[in-house]
Amino acid sequence: MALKSTVYKATVNLADMDRGVYLDESLTLAQHPSETDERMMLRILVWALNAVEGLEFTKGLCADDEPEIWKKNYSDEIETWIELGCPDEKWLRKAASRSKEVILYTYGDNAASIWWQQTKAKLVRFEHLSVWFIPEHVIDQLAKMIARTMQIQVTIQDGTAWLTCGDQSVEVRPEKWK
């Protein structure tokens, strides 16, 4: 018998002063049985860092041809493709051919730095690709916030995000690699 996904609800109050985006959103996330708490909370962080009207979670790990998060226009074309991890160059080429903007958030201190050293020369040609790094200790702190129902306050200013959930608070300063 296959394991089922665990459903999480997050109410996110976002104040992104850098981009002038202010949203109150109710998010529903399905955590795949193979997905860690750290990765699921990273998805919420990444959504908040890029939040705009229409940005949504996809089937993620359950779909081979979709990113983690995307924004589509009214013609069903992908405007923003957001991915997590250390994908190979072919996957990023596919993303770049299907979307106007591709954003990759890599994590896992050792794995990410090795992946970046091996891959960065191949990624120069993708003009509309940006690569960001989130340190492992930040993701570990995010995982401590996890609950089936969460109220998350996110404030972003001067490139730094502060996430607060209950009595837990995490400061995040993503590092731009490309």
N, C-alpha and C. Protein backbone atom coordinates (compact mmCIF):
# COMPACT_ATOMS: atom_id res chain seq x y z
N MET A 1 0.84 -1.18 0.00
CA MET A 1 0.00 0.00 0.00
C MET A 1 0.89 1.24 0.00
N ALA A 2 0.60 2.16 -0.88
CA ALA A 2 1.40 3.38 -1.01
C ALA A 2 1.07 4.36 0.13
N LEU A 3 2.10 5.06 0.57
CA LEU A 3 1.90 6.08 1.59
C LEU A 3 1.27 7.31 0.95
N LYS A 4 0.45 8.00 1.71
CA LYS A 4 -0.21 9.19 1.20
C LYS A 4 0.54 10.45 1.65
N SER A 5 0.32 11.50 0.89
CA SER A 5 0.91 12.79 1.25
C SER A 5 0.25 13.33 2.51
N THR A 6 0.98 14.15 3.24
CA THR A 6 0.46 14.83 4.41
C THR A 6 0.12 16.26 3.99
N VAL A 7 -1.06 16.70 4.34
CA VAL A 7 -1.50 18.03 3.94
C VAL A 7 -1.24 19.03 5.06
N TYR A 8 -0.64 20.16 4.69
CA TYR A 8 -0.35 21.26 5.63
C TYR A 8 -1.07 22.50 5.14
N LYS A 9 -1.51 23.31 6.07
CA LYS A 9 -2.15 24.59 5.76
C LYS A 9 -1.29 25.69 6.38
N ALA A 10 -1.02 26.70 5.60
CA ALA A 10 -0.24 27.83 6.08
C ALA A 10 -0.92 29.13 5.67
N THR A 11 -1.19 29.96 6.64
CA THR A 11 -1.67 31.31 6.36
C THR A 11 -0.44 32.20 6.42
N VAL A 12 -0.12 32.82 5.29
CA VAL A 12 1.09 33.63 5.19
C VAL A 12 0.71 35.10 5.04
N ASN A 13 1.22 35.90 5.96
CA ASN A 13 1.07 37.35 5.90
C ASN A 13 2.42 37.88 5.45
N LEU A 14 2.47 38.42 4.24
CA LEU A 14 3.73 38.82 3.62
C LEU A 14 3.80 40.32 3.45
N ALA A 15 4.92 40.89 3.89
CA ALA A 15 5.23 42.30 3.64
C ALA A 15 6.63 42.34 3.02
N ASP A 16 6.69 42.42 1.69
CA ASP A 16 7.96 42.48 0.97
C ASP A 16 8.19 43.94 0.59
N MET A 17 8.92 44.64 1.42
CA MET A 17 9.16 46.06 1.19
C MET A 17 10.13 46.31 0.05
N ASP A 18 10.96 45.33 -0.27
CA ASP A 18 11.89 45.48 -1.39
C ASP A 18 11.15 45.56 -2.73
N ARG A 19 10.09 44.78 -2.88
CA ARG A 19 9.35 44.73 -4.14
C ARG A 19 7.99 45.40 -4.08
N GLY A 20 7.59 45.85 -2.89
CA GLY A 20 6.29 46.48 -2.73
C GLY A 20 5.14 45.50 -2.86
N VAL A 21 5.34 44.27 -2.36
CA VAL A 21 4.32 43.23 -2.43
C VAL A 21 3.82 42.96 -1.02
N TYR A 22 2.49 43.05 -0.85
CA TYR A 22 1.86 42.82 0.45
C TYR A 22 0.69 41.87 0.22
N LEU A 23 0.78 40.67 0.79
CA LEU A 23 -0.23 39.65 0.55
C LEU A 23 -0.61 38.94 1.83
N ASP A 24 -1.85 38.51 1.90
CA ASP A 24 -2.33 37.57 2.91
C ASP A 24 -2.84 36.38 2.12
N GLU A 25 -2.17 35.25 2.24
CA GLU A 25 -2.53 34.08 1.44
C GLU A 25 -2.72 32.85 2.33
N SER A 26 -3.67 32.03 1.95
CA SER A 26 -3.86 30.73 2.58
C SER A 26 -3.30 29.68 1.63
N LEU A 27 -2.25 29.02 2.05
CA LEU A 27 -1.58 28.03 1.21
C LEU A 27 -1.91 26.63 1.70
N THR A 28 -2.10 25.72 0.77
CA THR A 28 -2.26 24.31 1.09
C THR A 28 -1.11 23.58 0.41
N LEU A 29 -0.36 22.82 1.20
CA LEU A 29 0.79 22.09 0.67
C LEU A 29 0.63 20.61 0.97
N ALA A 30 0.93 19.80 -0.02
CA ALA A 30 0.95 18.36 0.18
C ALA A 30 2.41 17.94 0.29
N GLN A 31 2.75 17.35 1.42
CA GLN A 31 4.12 16.88 1.62
C GLN A 31 4.18 15.42 1.17
N HIS A 32 4.91 15.19 0.09
CA HIS A 32 5.11 13.85 -0.45
C HIS A 32 5.77 12.99 0.64
N PRO A 33 5.46 11.69 0.71
CA PRO A 33 6.07 10.84 1.75
C PRO A 33 7.59 10.85 1.75
N SER A 34 8.20 11.10 0.59
CA SER A 34 9.67 11.12 0.53
C SER A 34 10.26 12.51 0.80
N GLU A 35 9.41 13.51 0.97
CA GLU A 35 9.89 14.87 1.19
C GLU A 35 10.13 15.12 2.67
N THR A 36 11.26 15.74 2.98
CA THR A 36 11.58 16.05 4.38
C THR A 36 10.84 17.31 4.83
N ASP A 37 10.75 17.49 6.15
CA ASP A 37 10.15 18.70 6.70
C ASP A 37 10.94 19.93 6.25
N GLU A 38 12.26 19.79 6.20
CA GLU A 38 13.12 20.90 5.80
C GLU A 38 12.79 21.36 4.39
N ARG A 39 12.64 20.43 3.47
CA ARG A 39 12.36 20.78 2.08
C ARG A 39 10.97 21.40 1.94
N MET A 40 10.00 20.86 2.68
CA MET A 40 8.66 21.43 2.58
C MET A 40 8.63 22.87 3.09
N MET A 41 9.31 23.13 4.19
CA MET A 41 9.36 24.50 4.70
C MET A 41 10.16 25.41 3.78
N LEU A 42 11.15 24.86 3.09
CA LEU A 42 11.89 25.63 2.10
C LEU A 42 10.95 26.06 0.96
N ARG A 43 10.01 25.21 0.59
CA ARG A 43 9.04 25.59 -0.44
C ARG A 43 8.23 26.81 -0.01
N ILE A 44 7.84 26.85 1.27
CA ILE A 44 7.09 28.01 1.76
C ILE A 44 7.97 29.26 1.71
N LEU A 45 9.21 29.15 2.15
CA LEU A 45 10.14 30.28 2.10
C LEU A 45 10.30 30.78 0.67
N VAL A 46 10.55 29.88 -0.25
CA VAL A 46 10.77 30.26 -1.65
C VAL A 46 9.52 30.90 -2.23
N TRP A 47 8.35 30.38 -1.90
CA TRP A 47 7.12 31.01 -2.35
C TRP A 47 7.07 32.45 -1.85
N ALA A 48 7.38 32.65 -0.57
CA ALA A 48 7.32 34.00 0.01
C ALA A 48 8.34 34.94 -0.63
N LEU A 49 9.52 34.44 -0.92
CA LEU A 49 10.56 35.29 -1.53
C LEU A 49 10.18 35.77 -2.92
N ASN A 50 9.29 35.04 -3.59
CA ASN A 50 8.91 35.36 -4.97
C ASN A 50 7.43 35.69 -5.11
N ALA A 51 6.73 35.82 -4.01
CA ALA A 51 5.27 35.93 -4.03
C ALA A 51 4.79 37.09 -4.90
N VAL A 52 3.87 36.74 -5.77
CA VAL A 52 3.10 37.69 -6.56
C VAL A 52 1.74 37.02 -6.76
N GLU A 53 0.79 37.80 -7.18
CA GLU A 53 -0.53 37.26 -7.47
C GLU A 53 -0.40 36.16 -8.52
N GLY A 54 -0.94 34.99 -8.26
CA GLY A 54 -0.93 33.90 -9.23
C GLY A 54 0.21 32.91 -9.07
N LEU A 55 1.16 33.16 -8.16
CA LEU A 55 2.25 32.21 -7.94
C LEU A 55 1.70 31.03 -7.14
N GLU A 56 1.93 29.81 -7.63
CA GLU A 56 1.32 28.66 -6.96
C GLU A 56 2.23 27.44 -6.97
N PHE A 57 1.96 26.55 -6.02
CA PHE A 57 2.67 25.29 -5.93
C PHE A 57 2.13 24.34 -7.00
N THR A 58 3.01 23.51 -7.53
CA THR A 58 2.60 22.51 -8.51
C THR A 58 2.53 21.15 -7.80
N LYS A 59 2.45 20.11 -8.58
CA LYS A 59 2.46 18.76 -8.01
C LYS A 59 3.84 18.39 -7.49
N GLY A 60 4.86 19.17 -7.86
CA GLY A 60 6.21 19.00 -7.32
C GLY A 60 6.81 17.63 -7.57
N LEU A 61 7.13 16.93 -6.50
CA LEU A 61 7.79 15.63 -6.61
C LEU A 61 6.94 14.59 -7.34
N CYS A 62 5.65 14.82 -7.42
CA CYS A 62 4.74 13.87 -8.06
C CYS A 62 4.70 14.03 -9.58
N ALA A 63 5.26 15.09 -10.11
CA ALA A 63 5.21 15.34 -11.55
C ALA A 63 6.62 15.54 -12.09
N ASP A 64 6.94 14.81 -13.14
CA ASP A 64 8.29 14.86 -13.70
C ASP A 64 8.55 16.09 -14.57
N ASP A 65 7.50 16.73 -15.05
CA ASP A 65 7.70 17.81 -16.01
C ASP A 65 7.27 19.18 -15.48
N GLU A 66 7.15 19.30 -14.16
CA GLU A 66 6.74 20.57 -13.56
C GLU A 66 7.77 21.03 -12.54
N PRO A 67 7.86 22.34 -12.36
CA PRO A 67 8.74 22.85 -11.30
C PRO A 67 8.05 22.69 -9.94
N GLU A 68 8.68 23.18 -8.92
CA GLU A 68 8.07 23.18 -7.58
C GLU A 68 6.98 24.24 -7.47
N ILE A 69 7.27 25.40 -8.06
CA ILE A 69 6.36 26.55 -7.98
C ILE A 69 6.38 27.22 -9.35
N TRP A 70 5.23 27.72 -9.77
CA TRP A 70 5.20 28.45 -11.03
C TRP A 70 4.15 29.53 -11.02
N LYS A 71 4.31 30.41 -12.00
CA LYS A 71 3.29 31.41 -12.27
C LYS A 71 3.00 31.31 -13.75
N LYS A 72 1.72 31.10 -14.05
CA LYS A 72 1.29 31.03 -15.44
C LYS A 72 0.46 32.26 -15.77
N ASN A 73 0.46 32.63 -17.05
CA ASN A 73 -0.39 33.74 -17.48
C ASN A 73 -1.74 33.20 -17.93
N TYR A 74 -2.60 34.08 -18.41
CA TYR A 74 -3.95 33.69 -18.80
C TYR A 74 -3.97 32.78 -20.03
N SER A 75 -2.88 32.74 -20.78
CA SER A 75 -2.77 31.86 -21.94
C SER A 75 -2.17 30.51 -21.57
N ASP A 76 -2.00 30.28 -20.27
CA ASP A 76 -1.43 29.04 -19.72
C ASP A 76 0.05 28.87 -20.05
N GLU A 77 0.73 29.97 -20.36
CA GLU A 77 2.17 29.93 -20.58
C GLU A 77 2.86 30.16 -19.24
N ILE A 78 3.97 29.48 -19.02
CA ILE A 78 4.70 29.61 -17.76
C ILE A 78 5.54 30.88 -17.81
N GLU A 79 5.27 31.80 -16.90
CA GLU A 79 6.04 33.03 -16.81
C GLU A 79 7.23 32.86 -15.87
N THR A 80 7.00 32.22 -14.74
CA THR A 80 8.06 32.02 -13.75
C THR A 80 8.11 30.54 -13.37
N TRP A 81 9.30 29.97 -13.45
CA TRP A 81 9.55 28.56 -13.14
C TRP A 81 10.52 28.56 -11.96
N ILE A 82 10.09 28.04 -10.82
CA ILE A 82 10.95 28.04 -9.63
C ILE A 82 11.24 26.60 -9.24
N GLU A 83 12.51 26.30 -9.11
CA GLU A 83 12.97 24.94 -8.82
C GLU A 83 13.82 24.93 -7.56
N LEU A 84 13.89 23.78 -6.91
CA LEU A 84 14.71 23.59 -5.72
C LEU A 84 15.73 22.48 -5.97
N GLY A 85 16.87 22.59 -5.30
CA GLY A 85 17.85 21.50 -5.33
C GLY A 85 19.04 21.77 -6.22
N CYS A 86 19.57 20.68 -6.77
CA CYS A 86 20.76 20.72 -7.62
C CYS A 86 20.47 19.96 -8.92
N PRO A 87 19.60 20.51 -9.76
CA PRO A 87 19.24 19.79 -10.98
C PRO A 87 20.37 19.79 -12.00
N ASP A 88 20.27 18.86 -12.94
CA ASP A 88 21.29 18.86 -13.98
C ASP A 88 20.99 19.94 -15.02
N GLU A 89 21.99 20.21 -15.82
CA GLU A 89 21.91 21.30 -16.79
C GLU A 89 20.79 21.06 -17.80
N LYS A 90 20.50 19.81 -18.14
CA LYS A 90 19.44 19.50 -19.10
C LYS A 90 18.08 19.93 -18.56
N TRP A 91 17.84 19.71 -17.28
CA TRP A 91 16.57 20.10 -16.66
C TRP A 91 16.42 21.62 -16.69
N LEU A 92 17.49 22.34 -16.42
CA LEU A 92 17.44 23.79 -16.44
C LEU A 92 17.28 24.33 -17.86
N ARG A 93 17.86 23.64 -18.83
CA ARG A 93 17.67 24.02 -20.23
C ARG A 93 16.21 23.86 -20.62
N LYS A 94 15.59 22.77 -20.18
CA LYS A 94 14.17 22.54 -20.44
C LYS A 94 13.33 23.65 -19.81
N ALA A 95 13.65 23.99 -18.56
CA ALA A 95 12.92 25.05 -17.85
C ALA A 95 13.08 26.38 -18.60
N ALA A 96 14.29 26.68 -19.03
CA ALA A 96 14.56 27.94 -19.73
C ALA A 96 13.82 28.02 -21.06
N SER A 97 13.62 26.88 -21.70
CA SER A 97 12.91 26.89 -22.99
C SER A 97 11.40 27.02 -22.81
N ARG A 98 10.90 26.70 -21.62
CA ARG A 98 9.45 26.72 -21.38
C ARG A 98 8.97 27.93 -20.60
N SER A 99 9.89 28.75 -20.10
CA SER A 99 9.50 29.84 -19.21
C SER A 99 10.27 31.11 -19.51
N LYS A 100 9.66 32.25 -19.18
CA LYS A 100 10.32 33.54 -19.37
C LYS A 100 11.36 33.80 -18.30
N GLU A 101 11.17 33.21 -17.11
CA GLU A 101 12.09 33.41 -15.99
C GLU A 101 12.24 32.09 -15.24
N VAL A 102 13.48 31.73 -14.92
CA VAL A 102 13.76 30.51 -14.16
C VAL A 102 14.56 30.92 -12.92
N ILE A 103 14.07 30.47 -11.75
CA ILE A 103 14.75 30.77 -10.49
C ILE A 103 15.03 29.44 -9.80
N LEU A 104 16.28 29.23 -9.46
CA LEU A 104 16.69 28.01 -8.78
C LEU A 104 17.19 28.36 -7.38
N TYR A 105 16.67 27.65 -6.40
CA TYR A 105 17.15 27.76 -5.02
C TYR A 105 17.85 26.46 -4.68
N THR A 106 19.14 26.55 -4.47
CA THR A 106 19.91 25.37 -4.13
C THR A 106 20.21 25.39 -2.64
N TYR A 107 20.41 24.23 -2.07
CA TYR A 107 20.61 24.10 -0.63
C TYR A 107 21.42 22.84 -0.36
N GLY A 108 21.79 22.65 0.90
CA GLY A 108 22.66 21.53 1.26
C GLY A 108 24.09 21.98 1.07
N ASP A 109 24.68 22.50 2.12
CA ASP A 109 25.96 23.21 2.02
C ASP A 109 26.99 22.51 1.15
N ASN A 110 27.32 21.25 1.45
CA ASN A 110 28.36 20.55 0.68
C ASN A 110 27.90 20.20 -0.72
N ALA A 111 26.72 19.61 -0.84
CA ALA A 111 26.22 19.19 -2.15
C ALA A 111 26.05 20.38 -3.08
N ALA A 112 25.51 21.47 -2.57
CA ALA A 112 25.27 22.64 -3.41
C ALA A 112 26.57 23.24 -3.92
N SER A 113 27.58 23.35 -3.07
CA SER A 113 28.84 23.96 -3.52
C SER A 113 29.54 23.07 -4.55
N ILE A 114 29.48 21.77 -4.37
CA ILE A 114 30.09 20.85 -5.36
C ILE A 114 29.31 20.95 -6.67
N TRP A 115 27.97 20.91 -6.59
CA TRP A 115 27.14 21.02 -7.79
C TRP A 115 27.44 22.32 -8.52
N TRP A 116 27.55 23.43 -7.79
CA TRP A 116 27.79 24.73 -8.40
C TRP A 116 29.13 24.76 -9.12
N GLN A 117 30.17 24.23 -8.51
CA GLN A 117 31.48 24.21 -9.15
C GLN A 117 31.46 23.41 -10.45
N GLN A 118 30.68 22.33 -10.47
CA GLN A 118 30.62 21.47 -11.66
C GLN A 118 29.70 22.02 -12.74
N THR A 119 28.74 22.87 -12.37
CA THR A 119 27.68 23.25 -13.28
C THR A 119 27.70 24.71 -13.72
N LYS A 120 28.31 25.60 -12.97
CA LYS A 120 28.15 27.04 -13.24
C LYS A 120 28.59 27.46 -14.63
N ALA A 121 29.63 26.87 -15.17
CA ALA A 121 30.09 27.26 -16.51
C ALA A 121 29.04 26.93 -17.58
N LYS A 122 28.27 25.87 -17.36
CA LYS A 122 27.23 25.48 -18.32
C LYS A 122 26.00 26.37 -18.24
N LEU A 123 25.82 27.07 -17.11
CA LEU A 123 24.61 27.85 -16.90
C LEU A 123 24.73 29.30 -17.35
N VAL A 124 25.90 29.73 -17.73
CA VAL A 124 26.12 31.12 -18.14
C VAL A 124 25.23 31.51 -19.31
N ARG A 125 24.97 30.59 -20.21
CA ARG A 125 24.19 30.89 -21.41
C ARG A 125 22.71 31.15 -21.15
N PHE A 126 22.21 30.76 -19.98
CA PHE A 126 20.80 30.97 -19.66
C PHE A 126 20.63 32.34 -19.02
N GLU A 127 20.30 33.32 -19.87
CA GLU A 127 20.22 34.70 -19.41
C GLU A 127 19.13 34.95 -18.40
N HIS A 128 18.02 34.28 -18.52
CA HIS A 128 16.90 34.52 -17.61
C HIS A 128 16.84 33.49 -16.46
N LEU A 129 18.01 32.93 -16.12
CA LEU A 129 18.14 32.02 -14.98
C LEU A 129 18.86 32.73 -13.85
N SER A 130 18.28 32.65 -12.65
CA SER A 130 19.00 33.13 -11.47
C SER A 130 19.13 31.96 -10.50
N VAL A 131 20.26 31.91 -9.82
CA VAL A 131 20.56 30.82 -8.88
C VAL A 131 20.83 31.43 -7.52
N TRP A 132 20.12 30.94 -6.51
CA TRP A 132 20.25 31.41 -5.14
C TRP A 132 20.61 30.24 -4.24
N PHE A 133 21.36 30.53 -3.18
CA PHE A 133 21.75 29.50 -2.21
C PHE A 133 21.15 29.83 -0.85
N ILE A 134 20.54 28.82 -0.22
CA ILE A 134 20.01 28.95 1.13
C ILE A 134 20.83 28.02 2.03
N PRO A 135 21.50 28.57 3.07
CA PRO A 135 22.33 27.75 3.95
C PRO A 135 21.52 26.69 4.71
N GLU A 136 22.18 25.59 4.98
CA GLU A 136 21.54 24.46 5.65
C GLU A 136 21.02 24.81 7.04
N HIS A 137 21.76 25.64 7.78
CA HIS A 137 21.32 25.96 9.14
C HIS A 137 20.00 26.74 9.12
N VAL A 138 19.76 27.51 8.07
CA VAL A 138 18.50 28.25 7.94
C VAL A 138 17.35 27.26 7.71
N ILE A 139 17.57 26.29 6.85
CA ILE A 139 16.54 25.30 6.55
C ILE A 139 16.24 24.47 7.79
N ASP A 140 17.26 24.15 8.57
CA ASP A 140 17.04 23.42 9.82
C ASP A 140 16.17 24.22 10.78
N GLN A 141 16.39 25.52 10.84
CA GLN A 141 15.56 26.38 11.71
C GLN A 141 14.13 26.46 11.19
N LEU A 142 13.95 26.53 9.88
CA LEU A 142 12.61 26.56 9.30
C LEU A 142 11.83 25.30 9.65
N ALA A 143 12.50 24.15 9.63
CA ALA A 143 11.83 22.88 9.91
C ALA A 143 11.26 22.84 11.33
N LYS A 144 11.83 23.59 12.23
CA LYS A 144 11.33 23.63 13.61
C LYS A 144 9.98 24.33 13.71
N MET A 145 9.61 25.07 12.67
CA MET A 145 8.33 25.79 12.64
C MET A 145 7.17 24.91 12.20
N ILE A 146 7.44 23.76 11.65
CA ILE A 146 6.41 22.98 10.97
C ILE A 146 5.29 22.54 11.92
N ALA A 147 4.07 22.69 11.42
CA ALA A 147 2.87 22.25 12.11
C ALA A 147 1.82 22.03 11.03
N ARG A 148 0.82 21.23 11.31
CA ARG A 148 -0.21 20.95 10.30
C ARG A 148 -0.94 22.22 9.89
N THR A 149 -1.08 23.15 10.82
CA THR A 149 -1.67 24.46 10.54
C THR A 149 -0.71 25.52 11.04
N MET A 150 -0.30 26.43 10.17
CA MET A 150 0.70 27.43 10.53
C MET A 150 0.22 28.83 10.20
N GLN A 151 0.56 29.77 11.04
CA GLN A 151 0.37 31.20 10.79
C GLN A 151 1.77 31.78 10.67
N ILE A 152 2.15 32.20 9.48
CA ILE A 152 3.52 32.65 9.24
C ILE A 152 3.52 34.11 8.82
N GLN A 153 4.30 34.90 9.52
CA GLN A 153 4.51 36.31 9.17
C GLN A 153 5.86 36.40 8.48
N VAL A 154 5.88 36.98 7.28
CA VAL A 154 7.13 37.13 6.53
C VAL A 154 7.32 38.62 6.23
N THR A 155 8.48 39.13 6.64
CA THR A 155 8.85 40.50 6.33
C THR A 155 10.16 40.46 5.55
N ILE A 156 10.20 41.15 4.41
CA ILE A 156 11.40 41.18 3.58
C ILE A 156 11.81 42.62 3.38
N GLN A 157 13.06 42.90 3.72
CA GLN A 157 13.61 44.25 3.55
C GLN A 157 15.10 44.17 3.35
N ASP A 158 15.61 44.92 2.38
CA ASP A 158 17.04 44.97 2.08
C ASP A 158 17.65 43.59 1.85
N GLY A 159 16.91 42.72 1.15
CA GLY A 159 17.42 41.40 0.80
C GLY A 159 17.39 40.38 1.92
N THR A 160 16.84 40.74 3.07
CA THR A 160 16.75 39.83 4.20
C THR A 160 15.28 39.54 4.49
N ALA A 161 14.98 38.27 4.72
CA ALA A 161 13.62 37.86 5.07
C ALA A 161 13.60 37.40 6.52
N TRP A 162 12.55 37.80 7.22
CA TRP A 162 12.33 37.33 8.59
C TRP A 162 11.03 36.57 8.58
N LEU A 163 11.08 35.31 9.00
CA LEU A 163 9.88 34.49 9.10
C LEU A 163 9.59 34.23 10.57
N THR A 164 8.34 34.44 10.96
CA THR A 164 7.94 34.20 12.33
C THR A 164 6.70 33.31 12.32
N CYS A 165 6.74 32.28 13.14
CA CYS A 165 5.61 31.37 13.29
C CYS A 165 5.55 30.99 14.77
N GLY A 166 4.51 31.46 15.43
CA GLY A 166 4.42 31.23 16.88
C GLY A 166 5.56 31.93 17.58
N ASP A 167 6.30 31.20 18.39
CA ASP A 167 7.44 31.79 19.10
C ASP A 167 8.76 31.54 18.38
N GLN A 168 8.70 30.96 17.18
CA GLN A 168 9.90 30.69 16.39
C GLN A 168 10.13 31.82 15.39
N SER A 169 11.37 32.19 15.19
CA SER A 169 11.71 33.23 14.22
C SER A 169 13.01 32.85 13.52
N VAL A 170 13.05 33.09 12.21
CA VAL A 170 14.24 32.75 11.42
C VAL A 170 14.58 33.94 10.52
N GLU A 171 15.85 34.28 10.47
CA GLU A 171 16.34 35.31 9.56
C GLU A 171 17.01 34.61 8.37
N VAL A 172 16.64 35.05 7.16
CA VAL A 172 17.15 34.42 5.95
C VAL A 172 17.72 35.49 5.03
N ARG A 173 18.96 35.28 4.61
CA ARG A 173 19.57 36.17 3.62
C ARG A 173 20.09 35.27 2.49
N PRO A 174 19.25 35.05 1.47
CA PRO A 174 19.68 34.20 0.36
C PRO A 174 20.92 34.78 -0.32
N GLU A 175 21.81 33.90 -0.74
CA GLU A 175 23.05 34.31 -1.39
C GLU A 175 22.89 34.10 -2.90
N LYS A 176 23.06 35.18 -3.68
CA LYS A 176 22.89 35.07 -5.13
C LYS A 176 24.18 34.53 -5.74
N TRP A 177 24.04 33.41 -6.46
CA TRP A 177 25.17 32.78 -7.14
C TRP A 177 25.19 33.14 -8.62
N LYS A 178 24.07 33.42 -9.20
CA LYS A 178 24.00 33.83 -10.61
C LYS A 178 22.80 34.74 -10.78
